[in-house]
Amino acid sequence: SGGSTDYADSVQGRCTINRDNAKNTVYLEMNSLKPEDTAVYYCN
């Protein structure tokens, strides 16, 4: 909630997470995607 972030080594530099606390919404922006990024992505 304070904005501290943590990234997996495999996506660091290619991924940005941010949130809108007022809307209780989180976003994940991914770029330079690779075939190995293929997966089901779950929100928690």
ModelCIF file with pLDDT and N, C-alpha, C, O atoms, coordinates in Angstrom:
data_MODEL
#
_entry.id   MODEL 
#
_entity.id                         1 
_entity.type                       polymer 
_entity.pdbx_number_of_molecules   1 
#
_entity_poly.entity_id                      1 
_entity_poly.type                           'polypeptide(L)' 
_entity_poly.nstd_linkage                   no 
_entity_poly.nstd_monomer                   no 
_entity_poly.pdbx_seq_one_letter_code       SGGSTDYADSVQGRCTINRDNAKNTVYLEMNSLKPEDTAVYYCN 
_entity_poly.pdbx_seq_one_letter_code_can   SGGSTDYADSVQGRCTINRDNAKNTVYLEMNSLKPEDTAVYYCN 
_entity_poly.pdbx_strand_id                 A 
#
loop_
_entity_poly_seq.entity_id 
_entity_poly_seq.num 
_entity_poly_seq.mon_id 
_entity_poly_seq.hetero 
1 1  SER n 
1 2  GLY n 
1 3  GLY n 
1 4  SER n 
1 5  THR n 
1 6  ASP n 
1 7  TYR n 
1 8  ALA n 
1 9  ASP n 
1 10 SER n 
1 11 VAL n 
1 12 GLN n 
1 13 GLY n 
1 14 ARG n 
1 15 CYS n 
1 16 THR n 
1 17 ILE n 
1 18 ASN n 
1 19 ARG n 
1 20 ASP n 
1 21 ASN n 
1 22 ALA n 
1 23 LYS n 
1 24 ASN n 
1 25 THR n 
1 26 VAL n 
1 27 TYR n 
1 28 LEU n 
1 29 GLU n 
1 30 MET n 
1 31 ASN n 
1 32 SER n 
1 33 LEU n 
1 34 LYS n 
1 35 PRO n 
1 36 GLU n 
1 37 ASP n 
1 38 THR n 
1 39 ALA n 
1 40 VAL n 
1 41 TYR n 
1 42 TYR n 
1 43 CYS n 
1 44 ASN n 
#
_struct_asym.id          A 
_struct_asym.entity_id   1 
#
loop_
_ma_qa_metric.id 
_ma_qa_metric.mode 
_ma_qa_metric.name 
_ma_qa_metric.software_group_id 
_ma_qa_metric.type 
1 global pLDDT . pLDDT 
2 local  pLDDT . pLDDT 
#
_ma_qa_metric_global.metric_id      1 
_ma_qa_metric_global.metric_value   94.95 
_ma_qa_metric_global.model_id       1 
_ma_qa_metric_global.ordinal_id     1 
#
loop_
_ma_qa_metric_local.label_asym_id 
_ma_qa_metric_local.label_comp_id 
_ma_qa_metric_local.label_seq_id 
_ma_qa_metric_local.metric_id 
_ma_qa_metric_local.metric_value 
_ma_qa_metric_local.model_id 
_ma_qa_metric_local.ordinal_id 
A SER 1  2 89.00 1 1  
A GLY 2  2 90.00 1 2  
A GLY 3  2 92.00 1 3  
A SER 4  2 96.00 1 4  
A THR 5  2 97.00 1 5  
A ASP 6  2 97.00 1 6  
A TYR 7  2 97.00 1 7  
A ALA 8  2 96.00 1 8  
A ASP 9  2 96.00 1 9  
A SER 10 2 94.00 1 10 
A VAL 11 2 95.00 1 11 
A GLN 12 2 93.00 1 12 
A GLY 13 2 95.00 1 13 
A ARG 14 2 97.00 1 14 
A CYS 15 2 97.00 1 15 
A THR 16 2 97.00 1 16 
A ILE 17 2 97.00 1 17 
A ASN 18 2 95.00 1 18 
A ARG 19 2 93.00 1 19 
A ASP 20 2 91.00 1 20 
A ASN 21 2 85.00 1 21 
A ALA 22 2 87.00 1 22 
A LYS 23 2 90.00 1 23 
A ASN 24 2 92.00 1 24 
A THR 25 2 94.00 1 25 
A VAL 26 2 95.00 1 26 
A TYR 27 2 96.00 1 27 
A LEU 28 2 97.00 1 28 
A GLU 29 2 98.00 1 29 
A MET 30 2 97.00 1 30 
A ASN 31 2 97.00 1 31 
A SER 32 2 97.00 1 32 
A LEU 33 2 97.00 1 33 
A LYS 34 2 96.00 1 34 
A PRO 35 2 96.00 1 35 
A GLU 36 2 95.00 1 36 
A ASP 37 2 96.00 1 37 
A THR 38 2 97.00 1 38 
A ALA 39 2 97.00 1 39 
A VAL 40 2 97.00 1 40 
A TYR 41 2 97.00 1 41 
A TYR 42 2 97.00 1 42 
A CYS 43 2 97.00 1 43 
A ASN 44 2 97.00 1 44 
#
loop_
_atom_site.group_PDB 
_atom_site.id 
_atom_site.type_symbol 
_atom_site.label_atom_id 
_atom_site.label_alt_id 
_atom_site.label_comp_id 
_atom_site.label_asym_id 
_atom_site.label_entity_id 
_atom_site.label_seq_id 
_atom_site.pdbx_PDB_ins_code 
_atom_site.Cartn_x 
_atom_site.Cartn_y 
_atom_site.Cartn_z 
_atom_site.occupancy 
_atom_site.B_iso_or_equiv 
_atom_site.pdbx_formal_charge 
_atom_site.auth_seq_id 
_atom_site.auth_comp_id 
_atom_site.auth_asym_id 
_atom_site.auth_atom_id 
_atom_site.pdbx_PDB_model_num 
ATOM 1   N N  . SER A 1 1  ? 0.818   -1.205  0.000   1.00 89.00 ? 1  SER A N  1 
ATOM 2   C CA . SER A 1 1  ? 0.000   0.000   0.000   1.00 89.00 ? 1  SER A CA 1 
ATOM 3   C C  . SER A 1 1  ? 0.853   1.257   0.000   1.00 89.00 ? 1  SER A C  1 
ATOM 4   O O  . SER A 1 1  ? 0.413   2.311   -0.459  1.00 89.00 ? 1  SER A O  1 
ATOM 5   N N  . GLY A 1 2  ? 2.070   1.149   0.513   1.00 90.00 ? 2  GLY A N  1 
ATOM 6   C CA . GLY A 1 2  ? 2.979   2.282   0.540   1.00 90.00 ? 2  GLY A CA 1 
ATOM 7   C C  . GLY A 1 2  ? 3.787   2.465   -0.723  1.00 90.00 ? 2  GLY A C  1 
ATOM 8   O O  . GLY A 1 2  ? 4.535   3.435   -0.847  1.00 90.00 ? 2  GLY A O  1 
ATOM 9   N N  . GLY A 1 3  ? 3.647   1.536   -1.674  1.00 92.00 ? 3  GLY A N  1 
ATOM 10  C CA . GLY A 1 3  ? 4.330   1.670   -2.941  1.00 92.00 ? 3  GLY A CA 1 
ATOM 11  C C  . GLY A 1 3  ? 5.621   0.892   -3.077  1.00 92.00 ? 3  GLY A C  1 
ATOM 12  O O  . GLY A 1 3  ? 6.285   0.977   -4.110  1.00 92.00 ? 3  GLY A O  1 
ATOM 13  N N  . SER A 1 4  ? 5.990   0.140   -2.063  1.00 96.00 ? 4  SER A N  1 
ATOM 14  C CA . SER A 1 4  ? 7.187   -0.689  -2.158  1.00 96.00 ? 4  SER A CA 1 
ATOM 15  C C  . SER A 1 4  ? 6.938   -1.844  -3.120  1.00 96.00 ? 4  SER A C  1 
ATOM 16  O O  . SER A 1 4  ? 5.884   -2.477  -3.066  1.00 96.00 ? 4  SER A O  1 
ATOM 17  N N  . THR A 1 5  ? 7.895   -2.122  -3.997  1.00 97.00 ? 5  THR A N  1 
ATOM 18  C CA . THR A 1 5  ? 7.712   -3.141  -5.028  1.00 97.00 ? 5  THR A CA 1 
ATOM 19  C C  . THR A 1 5  ? 8.764   -4.229  -4.948  1.00 97.00 ? 5  THR A C  1 
ATOM 20  O O  . THR A 1 5  ? 9.847   -4.044  -4.394  1.00 97.00 ? 5  THR A O  1 
ATOM 21  N N  . ASP A 1 6  ? 8.409   -5.371  -5.522  1.00 97.00 ? 6  ASP A N  1 
ATOM 22  C CA . ASP A 1 6  ? 9.308   -6.512  -5.590  1.00 97.00 ? 6  ASP A CA 1 
ATOM 23  C C  . ASP A 1 6  ? 9.072   -7.207  -6.922  1.00 97.00 ? 6  ASP A C  1 
ATOM 24  O O  . ASP A 1 6  ? 7.926   -7.435  -7.309  1.00 97.00 ? 6  ASP A O  1 
ATOM 25  N N  . TYR A 1 7  ? 10.151  -7.547  -7.630  1.00 97.00 ? 7  TYR A N  1 
ATOM 26  C CA . TYR A 1 7  ? 10.056  -8.169  -8.937  1.00 97.00 ? 7  TYR A CA 1 
ATOM 27  C C  . TYR A 1 7  ? 10.865  -9.443  -8.992  1.00 97.00 ? 7  TYR A C  1 
ATOM 28  O O  . TYR A 1 7  ? 11.904  -9.564  -8.344  1.00 97.00 ? 7  TYR A O  1 
ATOM 29  N N  . ALA A 1 8  ? 10.381  -10.391 -9.771  1.00 96.00 ? 8  ALA A N  1 
ATOM 30  C CA . ALA A 1 8  ? 11.159  -11.582 -10.043 1.00 96.00 ? 8  ALA A CA 1 
ATOM 31  C C  . ALA A 1 8  ? 12.339  -11.217 -10.931 1.00 96.00 ? 8  ALA A C  1 
ATOM 32  O O  . ALA A 1 8  ? 12.241  -10.320 -11.769 1.00 96.00 ? 8  ALA A O  1 
ATOM 33  N N  . ASP A 1 9  ? 13.452  -11.913 -10.747 1.00 96.00 ? 9  ASP A N  1 
ATOM 34  C CA . ASP A 1 9  ? 14.635  -11.633 -11.550 1.00 96.00 ? 9  ASP A CA 1 
ATOM 35  C C  . ASP A 1 9  ? 14.358  -11.780 -13.043 1.00 96.00 ? 9  ASP A C  1 
ATOM 36  O O  . ASP A 1 9  ? 14.923  -11.052 -13.860 1.00 96.00 ? 9  ASP A O  1 
ATOM 37  N N  . SER A 1 10 ? 13.494  -12.716 -13.393 1.00 94.00 ? 10 SER A N  1 
ATOM 38  C CA . SER A 1 10 ? 13.225  -13.005 -14.786 1.00 94.00 ? 10 SER A CA 1 
ATOM 39  C C  . SER A 1 10 ? 12.472  -11.894 -15.512 1.00 94.00 ? 10 SER A C  1 
ATOM 40  O O  . SER A 1 10 ? 12.477  -11.848 -16.742 1.00 94.00 ? 10 SER A O  1 
ATOM 41  N N  . VAL A 1 11 ? 11.828  -11.001 -14.768 1.00 95.00 ? 11 VAL A N  1 
ATOM 42  C CA . VAL A 1 11 ? 11.054  -9.938  -15.402 1.00 95.00 ? 11 VAL A CA 1 
ATOM 43  C C  . VAL A 1 11 ? 11.557  -8.548  -15.053 1.00 95.00 ? 11 VAL A C  1 
ATOM 44  O O  . VAL A 1 11 ? 11.079  -7.557  -15.603 1.00 95.00 ? 11 VAL A O  1 
ATOM 45  N N  . GLN A 1 12 ? 12.502  -8.471  -14.158 1.00 93.00 ? 12 GLN A N  1 
ATOM 46  C CA . GLN A 1 12 ? 13.013  -7.175  -13.739 1.00 93.00 ? 12 GLN A CA 1 
ATOM 47  C C  . GLN A 1 12 ? 13.569  -6.411  -14.939 1.00 93.00 ? 12 GLN A C  1 
ATOM 48  O O  . GLN A 1 12 ? 14.359  -6.944  -15.717 1.00 93.00 ? 12 GLN A O  1 
ATOM 49  N N  . GLY A 1 13 ? 13.149  -5.172  -15.072 1.00 95.00 ? 13 GLY A N  1 
ATOM 50  C CA . GLY A 1 13 ? 13.542  -4.367  -16.210 1.00 95.00 ? 13 GLY A CA 1 
ATOM 51  C C  . GLY A 1 13 ? 12.570  -4.435  -17.364 1.00 95.00 ? 13 GLY A C  1 
ATOM 52  O O  . GLY A 1 13 ? 12.624  -3.599  -18.266 1.00 95.00 ? 13 GLY A O  1 
ATOM 53  N N  . ARG A 1 14 ? 11.683  -5.411  -17.354 1.00 97.00 ? 14 ARG A N  1 
ATOM 54  C CA . ARG A 1 14 ? 10.699  -5.576  -18.415 1.00 97.00 ? 14 ARG A CA 1 
ATOM 55  C C  . ARG A 1 14 ? 9.276   -5.412  -17.897 1.00 97.00 ? 14 ARG A C  1 
ATOM 56  O O  . ARG A 1 14 ? 8.318   -5.462  -18.669 1.00 97.00 ? 14 ARG A O  1 
ATOM 57  N N  . CYS A 1 15 ? 9.144   -5.220  -16.614 1.00 97.00 ? 15 CYS A N  1 
ATOM 58  C CA . CYS A 1 15 ? 7.837   -5.247  -15.980 1.00 97.00 ? 15 CYS A CA 1 
ATOM 59  C C  . CYS A 1 15 ? 7.706   -4.112  -14.972 1.00 97.00 ? 15 CYS A C  1 
ATOM 60  O O  . CYS A 1 15 ? 8.664   -3.760  -14.284 1.00 97.00 ? 15 CYS A O  1 
ATOM 61  N N  . THR A 1 16 ? 6.514   -3.551  -14.898 1.00 97.00 ? 16 THR A N  1 
ATOM 62  C CA . THR A 1 16 ? 6.227   -2.503  -13.929 1.00 97.00 ? 16 THR A CA 1 
ATOM 63  C C  . THR A 1 16 ? 4.879   -2.771  -13.272 1.00 97.00 ? 16 THR A C  1 
ATOM 64  O O  . THR A 1 16 ? 3.875   -2.955  -13.959 1.00 97.00 ? 16 THR A O  1 
ATOM 65  N N  . ILE A 1 17 ? 4.859   -2.792  -11.947 1.00 97.00 ? 17 ILE A N  1 
ATOM 66  C CA . ILE A 1 17 ? 3.621   -2.956  -11.212 1.00 97.00 ? 17 ILE A CA 1 
ATOM 67  C C  . ILE A 1 17 ? 3.262   -1.639  -10.542 1.00 97.00 ? 17 ILE A C  1 
ATOM 68  O O  . ILE A 1 17 ? 4.129   -0.951  -10.003 1.00 97.00 ? 17 ILE A O  1 
ATOM 69  N N  . ASN A 1 18 ? 1.993   -1.295  -10.577 1.00 95.00 ? 18 ASN A N  1 
ATOM 70  C CA . ASN A 1 18 ? 1.526   -0.105  -9.895  1.00 95.00 ? 18 ASN A CA 1 
ATOM 71  C C  . ASN A 1 18 ? 0.091   -0.334  -9.444  1.00 95.00 ? 18 ASN A C  1 
ATOM 72  O O  . ASN A 1 18 ? -0.563  -1.283  -9.877  1.00 95.00 ? 18 ASN A O  1 
ATOM 73  N N  . ARG A 1 19 ? -0.387  0.536   -8.580  1.00 93.00 ? 19 ARG A N  1 
ATOM 74  C CA . ARG A 1 19 ? -1.736  0.359   -8.047  1.00 93.00 ? 19 ARG A CA 1 
ATOM 75  C C  . ARG A 1 19 ? -2.425  1.691   -7.841  1.00 93.00 ? 19 ARG A C  1 
ATOM 76  O O  . ARG A 1 19 ? -1.790  2.733   -7.678  1.00 93.00 ? 19 ARG A O  1 
ATOM 77  N N  . ASP A 1 20 ? -3.736  1.623   -7.854  1.00 91.00 ? 20 ASP A N  1 
ATOM 78  C CA . ASP A 1 20 ? -4.583  2.750   -7.531  1.00 91.00 ? 20 ASP A CA 1 
ATOM 79  C C  . ASP A 1 20 ? -5.303  2.368   -6.248  1.00 91.00 ? 20 ASP A C  1 
ATOM 80  O O  . ASP A 1 20 ? -6.294  1.638   -6.279  1.00 91.00 ? 20 ASP A O  1 
ATOM 81  N N  . ASN A 1 21 ? -4.809  2.855   -5.132  1.00 85.00 ? 21 ASN A N  1 
ATOM 82  C CA . ASN A 1 21 ? -5.364  2.470   -3.838  1.00 85.00 ? 21 ASN A CA 1 
ATOM 83  C C  . ASN A 1 21 ? -6.836  2.857   -3.690  1.00 85.00 ? 21 ASN A C  1 
ATOM 84  O O  . ASN A 1 21 ? -7.615  2.134   -3.068  1.00 85.00 ? 21 ASN A O  1 
ATOM 85  N N  . ALA A 1 22 ? -7.205  3.986   -4.256  1.00 87.00 ? 22 ALA A N  1 
ATOM 86  C CA . ALA A 1 22 ? -8.589  4.440   -4.156  1.00 87.00 ? 22 ALA A CA 1 
ATOM 87  C C  . ALA A 1 22 ? -9.546  3.497   -4.872  1.00 87.00 ? 22 ALA A C  1 
ATOM 88  O O  . ALA A 1 22 ? -10.708 3.375   -4.484  1.00 87.00 ? 22 ALA A O  1 
ATOM 89  N N  . LYS A 1 23 ? -9.063  2.834   -5.912  1.00 90.00 ? 23 LYS A N  1 
ATOM 90  C CA . LYS A 1 23 ? -9.893  1.921   -6.689  1.00 90.00 ? 23 LYS A CA 1 
ATOM 91  C C  . LYS A 1 23 ? -9.626  0.459   -6.366  1.00 90.00 ? 23 LYS A C  1 
ATOM 92  O O  . LYS A 1 23 ? -10.235 -0.429  -6.961  1.00 90.00 ? 23 LYS A O  1 
ATOM 93  N N  . ASN A 1 24 ? -8.718  0.202   -5.426  1.00 92.00 ? 24 ASN A N  1 
ATOM 94  C CA . ASN A 1 24 ? -8.337  -1.165  -5.073  1.00 92.00 ? 24 ASN A CA 1 
ATOM 95  C C  . ASN A 1 24 ? -7.971  -1.977  -6.315  1.00 92.00 ? 24 ASN A C  1 
ATOM 96  O O  . ASN A 1 24 ? -8.392  -3.123  -6.478  1.00 92.00 ? 24 ASN A O  1 
ATOM 97  N N  . THR A 1 25 ? -7.193  -1.365  -7.166  1.00 94.00 ? 25 THR A N  1 
ATOM 98  C CA . THR A 1 25 ? -6.820  -1.968  -8.429  1.00 94.00 ? 25 THR A CA 1 
ATOM 99  C C  . THR A 1 25 ? -5.306  -1.990  -8.584  1.00 94.00 ? 25 THR A C  1 
ATOM 100 O O  . THR A 1 25 ? -4.622  -1.027  -8.240  1.00 94.00 ? 25 THR A O  1 
ATOM 101 N N  . VAL A 1 26 ? -4.795  -3.094  -9.104  1.00 95.00 ? 26 VAL A N  1 
ATOM 102 C CA . VAL A 1 26 ? -3.376  -3.232  -9.371  1.00 95.00 ? 26 VAL A CA 1 
ATOM 103 C C  . VAL A 1 26 ? -3.183  -3.508  -10.854 1.00 95.00 ? 26 VAL A C  1 
ATOM 104 O O  . VAL A 1 26 ? -3.999  -4.182  -11.484 1.00 95.00 ? 26 VAL A O  1 
ATOM 105 N N  . TYR A 1 27 ? -2.094  -2.980  -11.407 1.00 96.00 ? 27 TYR A N  1 
ATOM 106 C CA . TYR A 1 27 ? -1.792  -3.132  -12.820 1.00 96.00 ? 27 TYR A CA 1 
ATOM 107 C C  . TYR A 1 27 ? -0.409  -3.748  -12.988 1.00 96.00 ? 27 TYR A C  1 
ATOM 108 O O  . TYR A 1 27 ? 0.491   -3.517  -12.181 1.00 96.00 ? 27 TYR A O  1 
ATOM 109 N N  . LEU A 1 28 ? -0.259  -4.518  -14.028 1.00 97.00 ? 28 LEU A N  1 
ATOM 110 C CA . LEU A 1 28 ? 1.033   -5.082  -14.386 1.00 97.00 ? 28 LEU A CA 1 
ATOM 111 C C  . LEU A 1 28 ? 1.297   -4.776  -15.850 1.00 97.00 ? 28 LEU A C  1 
ATOM 112 O O  . LEU A 1 28 ? 0.618   -5.297  -16.734 1.00 97.00 ? 28 LEU A O  1 
ATOM 113 N N  . GLU A 1 29 ? 2.275   -3.939  -16.098 1.00 98.00 ? 29 GLU A N  1 
ATOM 114 C CA . GLU A 1 29 ? 2.676   -3.610  -17.457 1.00 98.00 ? 29 GLU A CA 1 
ATOM 115 C C  . GLU A 1 29 ? 3.912   -4.417  -17.818 1.00 98.00 ? 29 GLU A C  1 
ATOM 116 O O  . GLU A 1 29 ? 4.937   -4.347  -17.138 1.00 98.00 ? 29 GLU A O  1 
ATOM 117 N N  . MET A 1 30 ? 3.804   -5.174  -18.882 1.00 97.00 ? 30 MET A N  1 
ATOM 118 C CA . MET A 1 30 ? 4.894   -6.030  -19.326 1.00 97.00 ? 30 MET A CA 1 
ATOM 119 C C  . MET A 1 30 ? 5.292   -5.651  -20.742 1.00 97.00 ? 30 MET A C  1 
ATOM 120 O O  . MET A 1 30 ? 4.435   -5.437  -21.600 1.00 97.00 ? 30 MET A O  1 
ATOM 121 N N  . ASN A 1 31 ? 6.566   -5.570  -20.977 1.00 97.00 ? 31 ASN A N  1 
ATOM 122 C CA . ASN A 1 31 ? 7.073   -5.303  -22.310 1.00 97.00 ? 31 ASN A CA 1 
ATOM 123 C C  . ASN A 1 31 ? 8.237   -6.236  -22.622 1.00 97.00 ? 31 ASN A C  1 
ATOM 124 O O  . ASN A 1 31 ? 8.711   -6.975  -21.759 1.00 97.00 ? 31 ASN A O  1 
ATOM 125 N N  . SER A 1 32 ? 8.682   -6.188  -23.866 1.00 97.00 ? 32 SER A N  1 
ATOM 126 C CA . SER A 1 32 ? 9.739   -7.086  -24.325 1.00 97.00 ? 32 SER A CA 1 
ATOM 127 C C  . SER A 1 32 ? 9.425   -8.528  -23.947 1.00 97.00 ? 32 SER A C  1 
ATOM 128 O O  . SER A 1 32 ? 10.285  -9.256  -23.451 1.00 97.00 ? 32 SER A O  1 
ATOM 129 N N  . LEU A 1 33 ? 8.200   -8.921  -24.185 1.00 97.00 ? 33 LEU A N  1 
ATOM 130 C CA . LEU A 1 33 ? 7.740   -10.244 -23.773 1.00 97.00 ? 33 LEU A CA 1 
ATOM 131 C C  . LEU A 1 33 ? 8.444   -11.352 -24.541 1.00 97.00 ? 33 LEU A C  1 
ATOM 132 O O  . LEU A 1 33 ? 8.761   -11.213 -25.723 1.00 97.00 ? 33 LEU A O  1 
ATOM 133 N N  . LYS A 1 34 ? 8.678   -12.454 -23.840 1.00 96.00 ? 34 LYS A N  1 
ATOM 134 C CA . LYS A 1 34 ? 9.354   -13.613 -24.388 1.00 96.00 ? 34 LYS A CA 1 
ATOM 135 C C  . LYS A 1 34 ? 8.426   -14.823 -24.344 1.00 96.00 ? 34 LYS A C  1 
ATOM 136 O O  . LYS A 1 34 ? 7.496   -14.853 -23.538 1.00 96.00 ? 34 LYS A O  1 
ATOM 137 N N  . PRO A 1 35 ? 8.662   -15.817 -25.192 1.00 96.00 ? 35 PRO A N  1 
ATOM 138 C CA . PRO A 1 35 ? 7.835   -17.024 -25.142 1.00 96.00 ? 35 PRO A CA 1 
ATOM 139 C C  . PRO A 1 35 ? 7.793   -17.659 -23.759 1.00 96.00 ? 35 PRO A C  1 
ATOM 140 O O  . PRO A 1 35 ? 6.769   -18.224 -23.373 1.00 96.00 ? 35 PRO A O  1 
ATOM 141 N N  . GLU A 1 36 ? 8.876   -17.577 -23.014 1.00 95.00 ? 36 GLU A N  1 
ATOM 142 C CA . GLU A 1 36 ? 8.911   -18.152 -21.682 1.00 95.00 ? 36 GLU A CA 1 
ATOM 143 C C  . GLU A 1 36 ? 8.053   -17.393 -20.669 1.00 95.00 ? 36 GLU A C  1 
ATOM 144 O O  . GLU A 1 36 ? 7.890   -17.846 -19.536 1.00 95.00 ? 36 GLU A O  1 
ATOM 145 N N  . ASP A 1 37 ? 7.510   -16.254 -21.064 1.00 96.00 ? 37 ASP A N  1 
ATOM 146 C CA . ASP A 1 37 ? 6.568   -15.539 -20.218 1.00 96.00 ? 37 ASP A CA 1 
ATOM 147 C C  . ASP A 1 37 ? 5.162   -16.125 -20.314 1.00 96.00 ? 37 ASP A C  1 
ATOM 148 O O  . ASP A 1 37 ? 4.275   -15.739 -19.554 1.00 96.00 ? 37 ASP A O  1 
ATOM 149 N N  . THR A 1 38 ? 4.959   -17.045 -21.234 1.00 97.00 ? 38 THR A N  1 
ATOM 150 C CA . THR A 1 38 ? 3.656   -17.669 -21.412 1.00 97.00 ? 38 THR A CA 1 
ATOM 151 C C  . THR A 1 38 ? 3.249   -18.418 -20.148 1.00 97.00 ? 38 THR A C  1 
ATOM 152 O O  . THR A 1 38 ? 3.982   -19.283 -19.670 1.00 97.00 ? 38 THR A O  1 
ATOM 153 N N  . ALA A 1 39 ? 2.085   -18.085 -19.611 1.00 97.00 ? 39 ALA A N  1 
ATOM 154 C CA . ALA A 1 39 ? 1.598   -18.695 -18.382 1.00 97.00 ? 39 ALA A CA 1 
ATOM 155 C C  . ALA A 1 39 ? 0.226   -18.130 -18.054 1.00 97.00 ? 39 ALA A C  1 
ATOM 156 O O  . ALA A 1 39 ? -0.235  -17.171 -18.674 1.00 97.00 ? 39 ALA A O  1 
ATOM 157 N N  . VAL A 1 40 ? -0.416  -18.741 -17.073 1.00 97.00 ? 40 VAL A N  1 
ATOM 158 C CA . VAL A 1 40 ? -1.612  -18.161 -16.489 1.00 97.00 ? 40 VAL A CA 1 
ATOM 159 C C  . VAL A 1 40 ? -1.164  -17.222 -15.382 1.00 97.00 ? 40 VAL A C  1 
ATOM 160 O O  . VAL A 1 40 ? -0.424  -17.617 -14.481 1.00 97.00 ? 40 VAL A O  1 
ATOM 161 N N  . TYR A 1 41 ? -1.610  -15.999 -15.453 1.00 97.00 ? 41 TYR A N  1 
ATOM 162 C CA . TYR A 1 41 ? -1.229  -14.992 -14.475 1.00 97.00 ? 41 TYR A CA 1 
ATOM 163 C C  . TYR A 1 41 ? -2.359  -14.792 -13.475 1.00 97.00 ? 41 TYR A C  1 
ATOM 164 O O  . TYR A 1 41 ? -3.508  -14.572 -13.857 1.00 97.00 ? 41 TYR A O  1 
ATOM 165 N N  . TYR A 1 42 ? -2.020  -14.870 -12.193 1.00 97.00 ? 42 TYR A N  1 
ATOM 166 C CA . TYR A 1 42 ? -2.988  -14.760 -11.121 1.00 97.00 ? 42 TYR A CA 1 
ATOM 167 C C  . TYR A 1 42 ? -2.737  -13.513 -10.286 1.00 97.00 ? 42 TYR A C  1 
ATOM 168 O O  . TYR A 1 42 ? -1.594  -13.161 -9.993  1.00 97.00 ? 42 TYR A O  1 
ATOM 169 N N  . CYS A 1 43 ? -3.808  -12.864 -9.914  1.00 97.00 ? 43 CYS A N  1 
ATOM 170 C CA . CYS A 1 43 ? -3.741  -11.716 -9.031  1.00 97.00 ? 43 CYS A CA 1 
ATOM 171 C C  . CYS A 1 43 ? -3.983  -12.164 -7.593  1.00 97.00 ? 43 CYS A C  1 
ATOM 172 O O  . CYS A 1 43 ? -4.787  -13.062 -7.343  1.00 97.00 ? 43 CYS A O  1 
ATOM 173 N N  . ASN A 1 44 ? -3.293  -11.541 -6.663  1.00 97.00 ? 44 ASN A N  1 
ATOM 174 C CA . ASN A 1 44 ? -3.468  -11.828 -5.240  1.00 97.00 ? 44 ASN A CA 1 
ATOM 175 C C  . ASN A 1 44 ? -3.582  -10.528 -4.464  1.00 97.00 ? 44 ASN A C  1 
ATOM 176 O O  . ASN A 1 44 ? -3.734  -10.550 -3.243  1.00 97.00 ? 44 ASN A O  1 
#
